[in-house]
Amino acid sequence: MAKREQSATTALVRVAVGIDLAVLFFGALALRGLGVIDGVWLWSGVAASIVVLLVIMRTAPSRFSLWLGHLFHIALLGLFAIDPVAGVSMLVPLGYWLFTAIRGPQLDRMARGDQA
């Protein structure tokens, strides 16, 4: 079976999801250490976030994955309400996600030779 070539958007989404997973895991450890959120609620939220990130990665480069990623990152901005440092730590993945959502489709169009 021939392997199809991976688009630039898909590659960028995979990197963005990897960054999200790392920041999510270490942020959860920090929040658990601070005792801000009960462990059951914290790890349930982390598990739900991992499921959403896997859906985003699996459905990339579709419009659905980009919109779901936007909604996911907007929801993560709610970390500012819990702890300002946790909110600031999510700005890095948010910035990379925005780069992915804007630049990925542009690179794909350039690779196809479309004028845009």
PDB file of N, CA and C in Angstrom:
ATOM      1  N   MET A   1       0.836  -1.164   0.000  1.00  0.00           N
ATOM      2  CA  MET A   1       0.000   0.000   0.000  1.00  0.00           C
ATOM      3  C   MET A   1       0.893   1.244   0.000  1.00  0.00           C
ATOM      4  N   ALA A   2       0.628   2.143  -0.919  1.00  0.00           N
ATOM      5  CA  ALA A   2       1.419   3.357  -1.025  1.00  0.00           C
ATOM      6  C   ALA A   2       1.020   4.342   0.060  1.00  0.00           C
ATOM      7  N   LYS A   3       2.019   4.938   0.649  1.00  0.00           N
ATOM      8  CA  LYS A   3       1.767   5.909   1.709  1.00  0.00           C
ATOM      9  C   LYS A   3       1.575   7.279   1.065  1.00  0.00           C
ATOM     10  N   ARG A   4       0.471   7.940   1.437  1.00  0.00           N
ATOM     11  CA  ARG A   4       0.237   9.246   0.825  1.00  0.00           C
ATOM     12  C   ARG A   4       1.113  10.300   1.511  1.00  0.00           C
ATOM     13  N   GLU A   5       1.425  11.311   0.742  1.00  0.00           N
ATOM     14  CA  GLU A   5       2.290  12.364   1.256  1.00  0.00           C
ATOM     15  C   GLU A   5       1.540  13.203   2.280  1.00  0.00           C
ATOM     16  N   GLN A   6       2.205  13.517   3.365  1.00  0.00           N
ATOM     17  CA  GLN A   6       1.609  14.279   4.447  1.00  0.00           C
ATOM     18  C   GLN A   6       1.600  15.764   4.100  1.00  0.00           C
ATOM     19  N   SER A   7       0.472  16.435   4.355  1.00  0.00           N
ATOM     20  CA  SER A   7       0.388  17.860   4.065  1.00  0.00           C
ATOM     21  C   SER A   7       1.119  18.652   5.150  1.00  0.00           C
ATOM     22  N   ALA A   8       1.418  19.888   4.829  1.00  0.00           N
ATOM     23  CA  ALA A   8       2.094  20.758   5.792  1.00  0.00           C
ATOM     24  C   ALA A   8       1.195  21.031   6.989  1.00  0.00           C
ATOM     25  N   THR A   9      -0.097  21.174   6.744  1.00  0.00           N
ATOM     26  CA  THR A   9      -1.031  21.417   7.844  1.00  0.00           C
ATOM     27  C   THR A   9      -1.036  20.247   8.815  1.00  0.00           C
ATOM     28  N   THR A  10      -1.052  19.027   8.288  1.00  0.00           N
ATOM     29  CA  THR A  10      -1.053  17.844   9.145  1.00  0.00           C
ATOM     30  C   THR A  10       0.215  17.779   9.983  1.00  0.00           C
ATOM     31  N   ALA A  11       1.348  18.063   9.369  1.00  0.00           N
ATOM     32  CA  ALA A  11       2.614  18.033  10.100  1.00  0.00           C
ATOM     33  C   ALA A  11       2.637  19.090  11.200  1.00  0.00           C
ATOM     34  N   LEU A  12       2.159  20.287  10.890  1.00  0.00           N
ATOM     35  CA  LEU A  12       2.139  21.356  11.891  1.00  0.00           C
ATOM     36  C   LEU A  12       1.153  21.046  13.018  1.00  0.00           C
ATOM     37  N   VAL A  13       0.008  20.441  12.678  1.00  0.00           N
ATOM     38  CA  VAL A  13      -0.979  20.073  13.704  1.00  0.00           C
ATOM     39  C   VAL A  13      -0.383  19.035  14.649  1.00  0.00           C
ATOM     40  N   ARG A  14       0.359  18.087  14.111  1.00  0.00           N
ATOM     41  CA  ARG A  14       0.984  17.071  14.976  1.00  0.00           C
ATOM     42  C   ARG A  14       1.983  17.697  15.942  1.00  0.00           C
ATOM     43  N   VAL A  15       2.749  18.649  15.476  1.00  0.00           N
ATOM     44  CA  VAL A  15       3.694  19.332  16.372  1.00  0.00           C
ATOM     45  C   VAL A  15       2.923  20.134  17.421  1.00  0.00           C
ATOM     46  N   ALA A  16       1.877  20.844  16.986  1.00  0.00           N
ATOM     47  CA  ALA A  16       1.079  21.641  17.923  1.00  0.00           C
ATOM     48  C   ALA A  16       0.432  20.759  18.988  1.00  0.00           C
ATOM     49  N   VAL A  17      -0.083  19.596  18.588  1.00  0.00           N
ATOM     50  CA  VAL A  17      -0.702  18.679  19.548  1.00  0.00           C
ATOM     51  C   VAL A  17       0.350  18.148  20.514  1.00  0.00           C
ATOM     52  N   GLY A  18       1.543  17.868  20.026  1.00  0.00           N
ATOM     53  CA  GLY A  18       2.616  17.416  20.904  1.00  0.00           C
ATOM     54  C   GLY A  18       2.977  18.470  21.946  1.00  0.00           C
ATOM     55  N   ILE A  19       3.056  19.728  21.522  1.00  0.00           N
ATOM     56  CA  ILE A  19       3.324  20.821  22.465  1.00  0.00           C
ATOM     57  C   ILE A  19       2.184  20.932  23.468  1.00  0.00           C
ATOM     58  N   ASP A  20       0.952  20.836  22.982  1.00  0.00           N
ATOM     59  CA  ASP A  20      -0.212  20.898  23.872  1.00  0.00           C
ATOM     60  C   ASP A  20      -0.180  19.786  24.910  1.00  0.00           C
ATOM     61  N   LEU A  21       0.141  18.578  24.481  1.00  0.00           N
ATOM     62  CA  LEU A  21       0.185  17.452  25.414  1.00  0.00           C
ATOM     63  C   LEU A  21       1.240  17.660  26.493  1.00  0.00           C
ATOM     64  N   ALA A  22       2.405  18.143  26.104  1.00  0.00           N
ATOM     65  CA  ALA A  22       3.474  18.369  27.081  1.00  0.00           C
ATOM     66  C   ALA A  22       3.079  19.441  28.089  1.00  0.00           C
ATOM     67  N   VAL A  23       2.575  20.562  27.602  1.00  0.00           N
ATOM     68  CA  VAL A  23       2.186  21.652  28.498  1.00  0.00           C
ATOM     69  C   VAL A  23       1.001  21.232  29.364  1.00  0.00           C
ATOM     70  N   LEU A  24       0.075  20.483  28.796  1.00  0.00           N
ATOM     71  CA  LEU A  24      -1.082  20.004  29.550  1.00  0.00           C
ATOM     72  C   LEU A  24      -0.651  19.082  30.691  1.00  0.00           C
ATOM     73  N   PHE A  25       0.241  18.159  30.407  1.00  0.00           N
ATOM     74  CA  PHE A  25       0.694  17.215  31.428  1.00  0.00           C
ATOM     75  C   PHE A  25       1.442  17.921  32.554  1.00  0.00           C
ATOM     76  N   PHE A  26       2.419  18.739  32.189  1.00  0.00           N
ATOM     77  CA  PHE A  26       3.205  19.405  33.224  1.00  0.00           C
ATOM     78  C   PHE A  26       2.388  20.470  33.964  1.00  0.00           C
ATOM     79  N   GLY A  27       1.464  21.102  33.253  1.00  0.00           N
ATOM     80  CA  GLY A  27       0.566  22.046  33.918  1.00  0.00           C
ATOM     81  C   GLY A  27      -0.350  21.343  34.912  1.00  0.00           C
ATOM     82  N   ALA A  28      -0.819  20.146  34.552  1.00  0.00           N
ATOM     83  CA  ALA A  28      -1.652  19.371  35.471  1.00  0.00           C
ATOM     84  C   ALA A  28      -0.869  18.967  36.712  1.00  0.00           C
ATOM     85  N   LEU A  29       0.391  18.597  36.521  1.00  0.00           N
ATOM     86  CA  LEU A  29       1.224  18.271  37.681  1.00  0.00           C
ATOM     87  C   LEU A  29       1.399  19.484  38.592  1.00  0.00           C
ATOM     88  N   ALA A  30       1.588  20.646  38.001  1.00  0.00           N
ATOM     89  CA  ALA A  30       1.762  21.865  38.802  1.00  0.00           C
ATOM     90  C   ALA A  30       0.476  22.207  39.545  1.00  0.00           C
ATOM     91  N   LEU A  31      -0.661  22.122  38.862  1.00  0.00           N
ATOM     92  CA  LEU A  31      -1.935  22.421  39.517  1.00  0.00           C
ATOM     93  C   LEU A  31      -2.240  21.412  40.619  1.00  0.00           C
ATOM     94  N   ARG A  32      -1.874  20.171  40.400  1.00  0.00           N
ATOM     95  CA  ARG A  32      -2.065  19.152  41.440  1.00  0.00           C
ATOM     96  C   ARG A  32      -1.182  19.440  42.646  1.00  0.00           C
ATOM     97  N   GLY A  33       0.045  19.861  42.379  1.00  0.00           N
ATOM     98  CA  GLY A  33       0.957  20.191  43.462  1.00  0.00           C
ATOM     99  C   GLY A  33       0.503  21.395  44.270  1.00  0.00           C
ATOM    100  N   LEU A  34      -0.125  22.360  43.595  1.00  0.00           N
ATOM    101  CA  LEU A  34      -0.637  23.528  44.300  1.00  0.00           C
ATOM    102  C   LEU A  34      -1.908  23.213  45.083  1.00  0.00           C
ATOM    103  N   GLY A  35      -2.556  22.112  44.732  1.00  0.00           N
ATOM    104  CA  GLY A  35      -3.798  21.739  45.407  1.00  0.00           C
ATOM    105  C   GLY A  35      -4.972  22.616  45.028  1.00  0.00           C
ATOM    106  N   VAL A  36      -4.899  23.241  43.868  1.00  0.00           N
ATOM    107  CA  VAL A  36      -5.962  24.140  43.421  1.00  0.00           C
ATOM    108  C   VAL A  36      -7.221  23.359  43.048  1.00  0.00           C
ATOM    109  N   ILE A  37      -7.040  22.223  42.406  1.00  0.00           N
ATOM    110  CA  ILE A  37      -8.160  21.401  41.933  1.00  0.00           C
ATOM    111  C   ILE A  37      -7.996  20.011  42.515  1.00  0.00           C
ATOM    112  N   ASP A  38      -9.119  19.393  42.879  1.00  0.00           N
ATOM    113  CA  ASP A  38      -9.094  18.023  43.373  1.00  0.00           C
ATOM    114  C   ASP A  38      -8.557  17.093  42.284  1.00  0.00           C
ATOM    115  N   GLY A  39      -7.826  16.072  42.678  1.00  0.00           N
ATOM    116  CA  GLY A  39      -7.160  15.171  41.738  1.00  0.00           C
ATOM    117  C   GLY A  39      -8.089  14.498  40.741  1.00  0.00           C
ATOM    118  N   VAL A  40      -9.266  14.065  41.190  1.00  0.00           N
ATOM    119  CA  VAL A  40     -10.198  13.374  40.291  1.00  0.00           C
ATOM    120  C   VAL A  40     -10.674  14.308  39.191  1.00  0.00           C
ATOM    121  N   TRP A  41     -11.039  15.530  39.558  1.00  0.00           N
ATOM    122  CA  TRP A  41     -11.499  16.498  38.556  1.00  0.00           C
ATOM    123  C   TRP A  41     -10.369  16.902  37.613  1.00  0.00           C
ATOM    124  N   LEU A  42      -9.202  17.073  38.163  1.00  0.00           N
ATOM    125  CA  LEU A  42      -8.054  17.473  37.361  1.00  0.00           C
ATOM    126  C   LEU A  42      -7.721  16.427  36.310  1.00  0.00           C
ATOM    127  N   TRP A  43      -7.557  15.178  36.732  1.00  0.00           N
ATOM    128  CA  TRP A  43      -7.166  14.134  35.789  1.00  0.00           C
ATOM    129  C   TRP A  43      -8.302  13.771  34.840  1.00  0.00           C
ATOM    130  N   SER A  44      -9.559  13.972  35.247  1.00  0.00           N
ATOM    131  CA  SER A  44     -10.686  13.782  34.325  1.00  0.00           C
ATOM    132  C   SER A  44     -10.630  14.828  33.216  1.00  0.00           C
ATOM    133  N   GLY A  45     -10.326  16.068  33.593  1.00  0.00           N
ATOM    134  CA  GLY A  45     -10.181  17.124  32.592  1.00  0.00           C
ATOM    135  C   GLY A  45      -9.013  16.885  31.658  1.00  0.00           C
ATOM    136  N   VAL A  46      -7.918  16.387  32.213  1.00  0.00           N
ATOM    137  CA  VAL A  46      -6.750  16.077  31.376  1.00  0.00           C
ATOM    138  C   VAL A  46      -7.088  14.950  30.402  1.00  0.00           C
ATOM    139  N   ALA A  47      -7.789  13.923  30.878  1.00  0.00           N
ATOM    140  CA  ALA A  47      -8.169  12.810  29.999  1.00  0.00           C
ATOM    141  C   ALA A  47      -9.096  13.290  28.883  1.00  0.00           C
ATOM    142  N   ALA A  48     -10.060  14.136  29.212  1.00  0.00           N
ATOM    143  CA  ALA A  48     -10.960  14.677  28.188  1.00  0.00           C
ATOM    144  C   ALA A  48     -10.187  15.528  27.179  1.00  0.00           C
ATOM    145  N   SER A  49      -9.223  16.298  27.675  1.00  0.00           N
ATOM    146  CA  SER A  49      -8.406  17.123  26.779  1.00  0.00           C
ATOM    147  C   SER A  49      -7.566  16.263  25.845  1.00  0.00           C
ATOM    148  N   ILE A  50      -7.043  15.166  26.354  1.00  0.00           N
ATOM    149  CA  ILE A  50      -6.249  14.265  25.512  1.00  0.00           C
ATOM    150  C   ILE A  50      -7.114  13.659  24.417  1.00  0.00           C
ATOM    151  N   VAL A  51      -8.346  13.291  24.745  1.00  0.00           N
ATOM    152  CA  VAL A  51      -9.261  12.744  23.735  1.00  0.00           C
ATOM    153  C   VAL A  51      -9.522  13.791  22.658  1.00  0.00           C
ATOM    154  N   VAL A  52      -9.778  15.033  23.058  1.00  0.00           N
ATOM    155  CA  VAL A  52     -10.019  16.104  22.083  1.00  0.00           C
ATOM    156  C   VAL A  52      -8.779  16.309  21.210  1.00  0.00           C
ATOM    157  N   LEU A  53      -7.598  16.309  21.801  1.00  0.00           N
ATOM    158  CA  LEU A  53      -6.371  16.494  21.017  1.00  0.00           C
ATOM    159  C   LEU A  53      -6.146  15.348  20.034  1.00  0.00           C
ATOM    160  N   LEU A  54      -6.464  14.132  20.440  1.00  0.00           N
ATOM    161  CA  LEU A  54      -6.320  12.999  19.520  1.00  0.00           C
ATOM    162  C   LEU A  54      -7.308  13.091  18.364  1.00  0.00           C
ATOM    163  N   VAL A  55      -8.522  13.574  18.632  1.00  0.00           N
ATOM    164  CA  VAL A  55      -9.500  13.777  17.548  1.00  0.00           C
ATOM    165  C   VAL A  55      -8.983  14.854  16.598  1.00  0.00           C
ATOM    166  N   ILE A  56      -8.422  15.917  17.147  1.00  0.00           N
ATOM    167  CA  ILE A  56      -7.859  16.979  16.298  1.00  0.00           C
ATOM    168  C   ILE A  56      -6.753  16.425  15.415  1.00  0.00           C
ATOM    169  N   MET A  57      -5.866  15.642  16.003  1.00  0.00           N
ATOM    170  CA  MET A  57      -4.742  15.104  15.244  1.00  0.00           C
ATOM    171  C   MET A  57      -5.216  14.113  14.178  1.00  0.00           C
ATOM    172  N   ARG A  58      -6.207  13.306  14.509  1.00  0.00           N
ATOM    173  CA  ARG A  58      -6.682  12.283  13.571  1.00  0.00           C
ATOM    174  C   ARG A  58      -7.444  12.881  12.392  1.00  0.00           C
ATOM    175  N   THR A  59      -8.168  13.979  12.622  1.00  0.00           N
ATOM    176  CA  THR A  59      -8.978  14.561  11.555  1.00  0.00           C
ATOM    177  C   THR A  59      -8.248  15.658  10.779  1.00  0.00           C
ATOM    178  N   ALA A  60      -7.002  15.967  11.148  1.00  0.00           N
ATOM    179  CA  ALA A  60      -6.233  16.995  10.417  1.00  0.00           C
ATOM    180  C   ALA A  60      -6.018  16.531   8.995  1.00  0.00           C
ATOM    181  N   PRO A  61      -6.033  17.362   8.031  1.00  0.00           N
ATOM    182  CA  PRO A  61      -6.083  18.813   7.957  1.00  0.00           C
ATOM    183  C   PRO A  61      -7.472  19.370   7.654  1.00  0.00           C
ATOM    184  N   SER A  62      -8.525  18.734   8.112  1.00  0.00           N
ATOM    185  CA  SER A  62      -9.882  19.191   7.796  1.00  0.00           C
ATOM    186  C   SER A  62     -10.217  20.488   8.517  1.00  0.00           C
ATOM    187  N   ARG A  63     -11.241  21.159   8.023  1.00  0.00           N
ATOM    188  CA  ARG A  63     -11.725  22.378   8.665  1.00  0.00           C
ATOM    189  C   ARG A  63     -12.212  22.077  10.082  1.00  0.00           C
ATOM    190  N   PHE A  64     -12.813  20.888  10.242  1.00  0.00           N
ATOM    191  CA  PHE A  64     -13.317  20.479  11.554  1.00  0.00           C
ATOM    192  C   PHE A  64     -12.195  20.470  12.587  1.00  0.00           C
ATOM    193  N   SER A  65     -11.047  19.919  12.226  1.00  0.00           N
ATOM    194  CA  SER A  65      -9.947  19.846  13.194  1.00  0.00           C
ATOM    195  C   SER A  65      -9.436  21.238  13.548  1.00  0.00           C
ATOM    196  N   LEU A  66      -9.401  22.142  12.585  1.00  0.00           N
ATOM    197  CA  LEU A  66      -8.936  23.494  12.875  1.00  0.00           C
ATOM    198  C   LEU A  66      -9.911  24.230  13.793  1.00  0.00           C
ATOM    199  N   TRP A  67     -11.214  24.094  13.534  1.00  0.00           N
ATOM    200  CA  TRP A  67     -12.201  24.753  14.386  1.00  0.00           C
ATOM    201  C   TRP A  67     -12.231  24.131  15.783  1.00  0.00           C
ATOM    202  N   LEU A  68     -12.125  22.817  15.850  1.00  0.00           N
ATOM    203  CA  LEU A  68     -12.084  22.160  17.157  1.00  0.00           C
ATOM    204  C   LEU A  68     -10.841  22.599  17.929  1.00  0.00           C
ATOM    205  N   GLY A  69      -9.737  22.761  17.238  1.00  0.00           N
ATOM    206  CA  GLY A  69      -8.521  23.251  17.871  1.00  0.00           C
ATOM    207  C   GLY A  69      -8.675  24.674  18.385  1.00  0.00           C
ATOM    208  N   HIS A  70      -9.349  25.516  17.587  1.00  0.00           N
ATOM    209  CA  HIS A  70      -9.613  26.884  18.049  1.00  0.00           C
ATOM    210  C   HIS A  70     -10.438  26.868  19.336  1.00  0.00           C
ATOM    211  N   LEU A  71     -11.512  26.083  19.343  1.00  0.00           N
ATOM    212  CA  LEU A  71     -12.371  26.012  20.526  1.00  0.00           C
ATOM    213  C   LEU A  71     -11.618  25.451  21.734  1.00  0.00           C
ATOM    214  N   PHE A  72     -10.785  24.456  21.500  1.00  0.00           N
ATOM    215  CA  PHE A  72      -9.992  23.856  22.574  1.00  0.00           C
ATOM    216  C   PHE A  72      -9.058  24.886  23.198  1.00  0.00           C
ATOM    217  N   HIS A  73      -8.376  25.659  22.364  1.00  0.00           N
ATOM    218  CA  HIS A  73      -7.425  26.636  22.881  1.00  0.00           C
ATOM    219  C   HIS A  73      -8.131  27.819  23.547  1.00  0.00           C
ATOM    220  N   ILE A  74      -9.304  28.185  23.058  1.00  0.00           N
ATOM    221  CA  ILE A  74     -10.085  29.217  23.746  1.00  0.00           C
ATOM    222  C   ILE A  74     -10.487  28.725  25.129  1.00  0.00           C
ATOM    223  N   ALA A  75     -10.893  27.459  25.224  1.00  0.00           N
ATOM    224  CA  ALA A  75     -11.268  26.892  26.521  1.00  0.00           C
ATOM    225  C   ALA A  75     -10.060  26.868  27.466  1.00  0.00           C
ATOM    226  N   LEU A  76      -8.882  26.586  26.930  1.00  0.00           N
ATOM    227  CA  LEU A  76      -7.691  26.551  27.778  1.00  0.00           C
ATOM    228  C   LEU A  76      -7.304  27.926  28.309  1.00  0.00           C
ATOM    229  N   LEU A  77      -7.770  28.976  27.651  1.00  0.00           N
ATOM    230  CA  LEU A  77      -7.507  30.312  28.187  1.00  0.00           C
ATOM    231  C   LEU A  77      -8.231  30.511  29.519  1.00  0.00           C
ATOM    232  N   GLY A  78      -9.203  29.647  29.813  1.00  0.00           N
ATOM    233  CA  GLY A  78      -9.873  29.684  31.105  1.00  0.00           C
ATOM    234  C   GLY A  78      -8.944  29.349  32.253  1.00  0.00           C
ATOM    235  N   LEU A  79      -7.758  28.829  31.955  1.00  0.00           N
ATOM    236  CA  LEU A  79      -6.784  28.558  33.015  1.00  0.00           C
ATOM    237  C   LEU A  79      -6.359  29.830  33.739  1.00  0.00           C
ATOM    238  N   PHE A  80      -6.513  30.978  33.089  1.00  0.00           N
ATOM    239  CA  PHE A  80      -6.204  32.239  33.770  1.00  0.00           C
ATOM    240  C   PHE A  80      -7.082  32.419  35.003  1.00  0.00           C
ATOM    241  N   ALA A  81      -8.298  31.881  34.959  1.00  0.00           N
ATOM    242  CA  ALA A  81      -9.198  31.996  36.114  1.00  0.00           C
ATOM    243  C   ALA A  81      -8.721  31.132  37.277  1.00  0.00           C
ATOM    244  N   ILE A  82      -8.016  30.046  36.976  1.00  0.00           N
ATOM    245  CA  ILE A  82      -7.546  29.142  38.024  1.00  0.00           C
ATOM    246  C   ILE A  82      -6.218  29.620  38.592  1.00  0.00           C
ATOM    247  N   ASP A  83      -5.276  29.890  37.685  1.00  0.00           N
ATOM    248  CA  ASP A  83      -3.941  30.306  38.114  1.00  0.00           C
ATOM    249  C   ASP A  83      -3.315  31.114  36.985  1.00  0.00           C
ATOM    250  N   PRO A  84      -2.879  32.334  37.248  1.00  0.00           N
ATOM    251  CA  PRO A  84      -2.297  33.160  36.183  1.00  0.00           C
ATOM    252  C   PRO A  84      -1.072  32.533  35.512  1.00  0.00           C
ATOM    253  N   VAL A  85      -0.252  31.853  36.273  1.00  0.00           N
ATOM    254  CA  VAL A  85       0.943  31.236  35.688  1.00  0.00           C
ATOM    255  C   VAL A  85       0.545  30.099  34.739  1.00  0.00           C
ATOM    256  N   ALA A  86      -0.485  29.330  35.101  1.00  0.00           N
ATOM    257  CA  ALA A  86      -0.968  28.267  34.210  1.00  0.00           C
ATOM    258  C   ALA A  86      -1.529  28.861  32.925  1.00  0.00           C
ATOM    259  N   GLY A  87      -2.224  29.987  33.043  1.00  0.00           N
ATOM    260  CA  GLY A  87      -2.748  30.651  31.851  1.00  0.00           C
ATOM    261  C   GLY A  87      -1.648  31.145  30.938  1.00  0.00           C
ATOM    262  N   VAL A  88      -0.615  31.721  31.523  1.00  0.00           N
ATOM    263  CA  VAL A  88       0.512  32.220  30.725  1.00  0.00           C
ATOM    264  C   VAL A  88       1.233  31.059  30.039  1.00  0.00           C
ATOM    265  N   SER A  89       1.344  29.921  30.728  1.00  0.00           N
ATOM    266  CA  SER A  89       2.028  28.775  30.124  1.00  0.00           C
ATOM    267  C   SER A  89       1.274  28.237  28.916  1.00  0.00           C
ATOM    268  N   MET A  90      -0.029  28.476  28.837  1.00  0.00           N
ATOM    269  CA  MET A  90      -0.791  28.007  27.677  1.00  0.00           C
ATOM    270  C   MET A  90      -0.719  28.977  26.501  1.00  0.00           C
ATOM    271  N   LEU A  91      -0.113  30.135  26.677  1.00  0.00           N
ATOM    272  CA  LEU A  91       0.006  31.080  25.569  1.00  0.00           C
ATOM    273  C   LEU A  91       0.971  30.592  24.495  1.00  0.00           C
ATOM    274  N   VAL A  92       1.981  29.829  24.886  1.00  0.00           N
ATOM    275  CA  VAL A  92       2.935  29.306  23.896  1.00  0.00           C
ATOM    276  C   VAL A  92       2.239  28.329  22.939  1.00  0.00           C
ATOM    277  N   PRO A  93       1.517  27.307  23.453  1.00  0.00           N
ATOM    278  CA  PRO A  93       0.801  26.434  22.523  1.00  0.00           C
ATOM    279  C   PRO A  93      -0.269  27.172  21.722  1.00  0.00           C
ATOM    280  N   LEU A  94      -0.894  28.165  22.326  1.00  0.00           N
ATOM    281  CA  LEU A  94      -1.896  28.945  21.605  1.00  0.00           C
ATOM    282  C   LEU A  94      -1.265  29.676  20.426  1.00  0.00           C
ATOM    283  N   GLY A  95      -0.123  30.293  20.661  1.00  0.00           N
ATOM    284  CA  GLY A  95       0.576  30.986  19.578  1.00  0.00           C
ATOM    285  C   GLY A  95       0.998  30.051  18.459  1.00  0.00           C
ATOM    286  N   TYR A  96       1.497  28.867  18.830  1.00  0.00           N
ATOM    287  CA  TYR A  96       1.888  27.905  17.795  1.00  0.00           C
ATOM    288  C   TYR A  96       0.658  27.384  17.056  1.00  0.00           C
ATOM    289  N   TRP A  97      -0.457  27.207  17.771  1.00  0.00           N
ATOM    290  CA  TRP A  97      -1.681  26.749  17.114  1.00  0.00           C
ATOM    291  C   TRP A  97      -2.146  27.776  16.080  1.00  0.00           C
ATOM    292  N   LEU A  98      -2.105  29.052  16.432  1.00  0.00           N
ATOM    293  CA  LEU A  98      -2.515  30.087  15.478  1.00  0.00           C
ATOM    294  C   LEU A  98      -1.592  30.095  14.265  1.00  0.00           C
ATOM    295  N   PHE A  99      -0.290  29.920  14.486  1.00  0.00           N
ATOM    296  CA  PHE A  99       0.648  29.809  13.366  1.00  0.00           C
ATOM    297  C   PHE A  99       0.270  28.623  12.480  1.00  0.00           C
ATOM    298  N   THR A 100      -0.066  27.489  13.108  1.00  0.00           N
ATOM    299  CA  THR A 100      -0.445  26.287  12.363  1.00  0.00           C
ATOM    300  C   THR A 100      -1.706  26.525  11.550  1.00  0.00           C
ATOM    301  N   ALA A 101      -2.703  27.146  12.159  1.00  0.00           N
ATOM    302  CA  ALA A 101      -3.985  27.351  11.486  1.00  0.00           C
ATOM    303  C   ALA A 101      -3.879  28.325  10.323  1.00  0.00           C
ATOM    304  N   ILE A 102      -2.951  29.273  10.414  1.00  0.00           N
ATOM    305  CA  ILE A 102      -2.814  30.264   9.342  1.00  0.00           C
ATOM    306  C   ILE A 102      -1.818  29.809   8.287  1.00  0.00           C
ATOM    307  N   ARG A 103      -0.657  29.382   8.716  1.00  0.00           N
ATOM    308  CA  ARG A 103       0.419  29.082   7.769  1.00  0.00           C
ATOM    309  C   ARG A 103       0.275  27.711   7.099  1.00  0.00           C
ATOM    310  N   GLY A 104      -0.297  26.725   7.811  1.00  0.00           N
ATOM    311  CA  GLY A 104      -0.436  25.385   7.246  1.00  0.00           C
ATOM    312  C   GLY A 104      -1.206  25.354   5.931  1.00  0.00           C
ATOM    313  N   PRO A 105      -2.436  25.899   5.894  1.00  0.00           N
ATOM    314  CA  PRO A 105      -3.165  25.921   4.625  1.00  0.00           C
ATOM    315  C   PRO A 105      -2.462  26.725   3.530  1.00  0.00           C
ATOM    316  N   GLN A 106      -1.752  27.791   3.914  1.00  0.00           N
ATOM    317  CA  GLN A 106      -1.000  28.550   2.913  1.00  0.00           C
ATOM    318  C   GLN A 106       0.087  27.692   2.282  1.00  0.00           C
ATOM    319  N   LEU A 107       0.811  26.934   3.095  1.00  0.00           N
ATOM    320  CA  LEU A 107       1.849  26.055   2.574  1.00  0.00           C
ATOM    321  C   LEU A 107       1.267  24.960   1.706  1.00  0.00           C
ATOM    322  N   ASP A 108       0.099  24.430   2.089  1.00  0.00           N
ATOM    323  CA  ASP A 108      -0.551  23.408   1.273  1.00  0.00           C
ATOM    324  C   ASP A 108      -0.958  23.939  -0.085  1.00  0.00           C
ATOM    325  N   ARG A 109      -1.490  25.168  -0.108  1.00  0.00           N
ATOM    326  CA  ARG A 109      -1.874  25.764  -1.398  1.00  0.00           C
ATOM    327  C   ARG A 109      -0.648  25.999  -2.262  1.00  0.00           C
ATOM    328  N   MET A 110       0.456  26.439  -1.655  1.00  0.00           N
ATOM    329  CA  MET A 110       1.682  26.672  -2.423  1.00  0.00           C
ATOM    330  C   MET A 110       2.216  25.352  -2.990  1.00  0.00           C
ATOM    331  N   ALA A 111       2.096  24.270  -2.233  1.00  0.00           N
ATOM    332  CA  ALA A 111       2.589  22.978  -2.712  1.00  0.00           C
ATOM    333  C   ALA A 111       1.753  22.451  -3.871  1.00  0.00           C
ATOM    334  N   ARG A 112       0.455  22.778  -3.884  1.00  0.00           N
ATOM    335  CA  ARG A 112      -0.420  22.362  -4.991  1.00  0.00           C
ATOM    336  C   ARG A 112      -0.261  23.280  -6.208  1.00  0.00           C
ATOM    337  N   GLY A 113       0.334  24.436  -5.989  1.00  0.00           N
ATOM    338  CA  GLY A 113       0.516  25.375  -7.089  1.00  0.00           C
ATOM    339  C   GLY A 113      -0.640  26.309  -7.285  1.00  0.00           C
ATOM    340  N   ASP A 114      -1.542  26.390  -6.309  1.00  0.00           N
ATOM    341  CA  ASP A 114      -2.677  27.325  -6.405  1.00  0.00           C
ATOM    342  C   ASP A 114      -2.218  28.741  -6.214  1.00  0.00           C
ATOM    343  N   GLN A 115      -2.882  29.663  -6.870  1.00  0.00           N
ATOM    344  CA  GLN A 115      -2.614  31.078  -6.678  1.00  0.00           C
ATOM    345  C   GLN A 115      -3.512  31.591  -5.555  1.00  0.00           C
ATOM    346  N   ALA A 116      -2.904  32.095  -4.483  1.00  0.00           N
ATOM    347  CA  ALA A 116      -3.715  32.652  -3.396  1.00  0.00           C
ATOM    348  C   ALA A 116      -2.941  33.715  -2.666  1.00  0.00           C
TER     349      ALA A 116
END
